[in-house]
C-alpha cells in the first residue's frame, strides 16, 4: 500500500509563501486521488484541494482559490501544495491523503470519498 510523507512546513510571516510536498512510496501517486487537508487546534479537519489520478484534474476549496494550488510531479512521485499570501488563520497541521478511487469528488464545498492513506502531517505556523 502507498505511504505518504509530508514536508515543507515551518514558520513564516504573514504574506509569505510555502510549498508543501507529499512524497509517495510503495505505490504510484498517479494511481490515486490525492488531497490536502488541514486541522487547526480546536477545529474540524478541512479539505483544501484535490488532484485526480489519470487526467490530473484539480479542485480547490473556494476559500483557498487564488492562494493555494495543488500540483503533481509524476517523475518524483510527489504532490505539492503551493501556498501564497499566508495569514495567521492558516496556522494548522497540514496532511496529504490518498484515495484508491481515481477521481476527486468535490460537491458544494465538500470533498467526498474514502481517504484511506494518510501522512503524518507537517506543521505550518504563520506569524502576525
Foldseek 3Di string as FASTA:
>chain_A
DKAWAKDWADEAAAQAKIKIKIAIDPDALLQWKKWKWWDAPPDDIATAKIFFHDVRDIDGQPVCPPAWDWDDDRVRSMIMIIGGRDDQVVWTWMKMFTANDGDFDADPRDTDGDGPYIHPTDTHGYHD
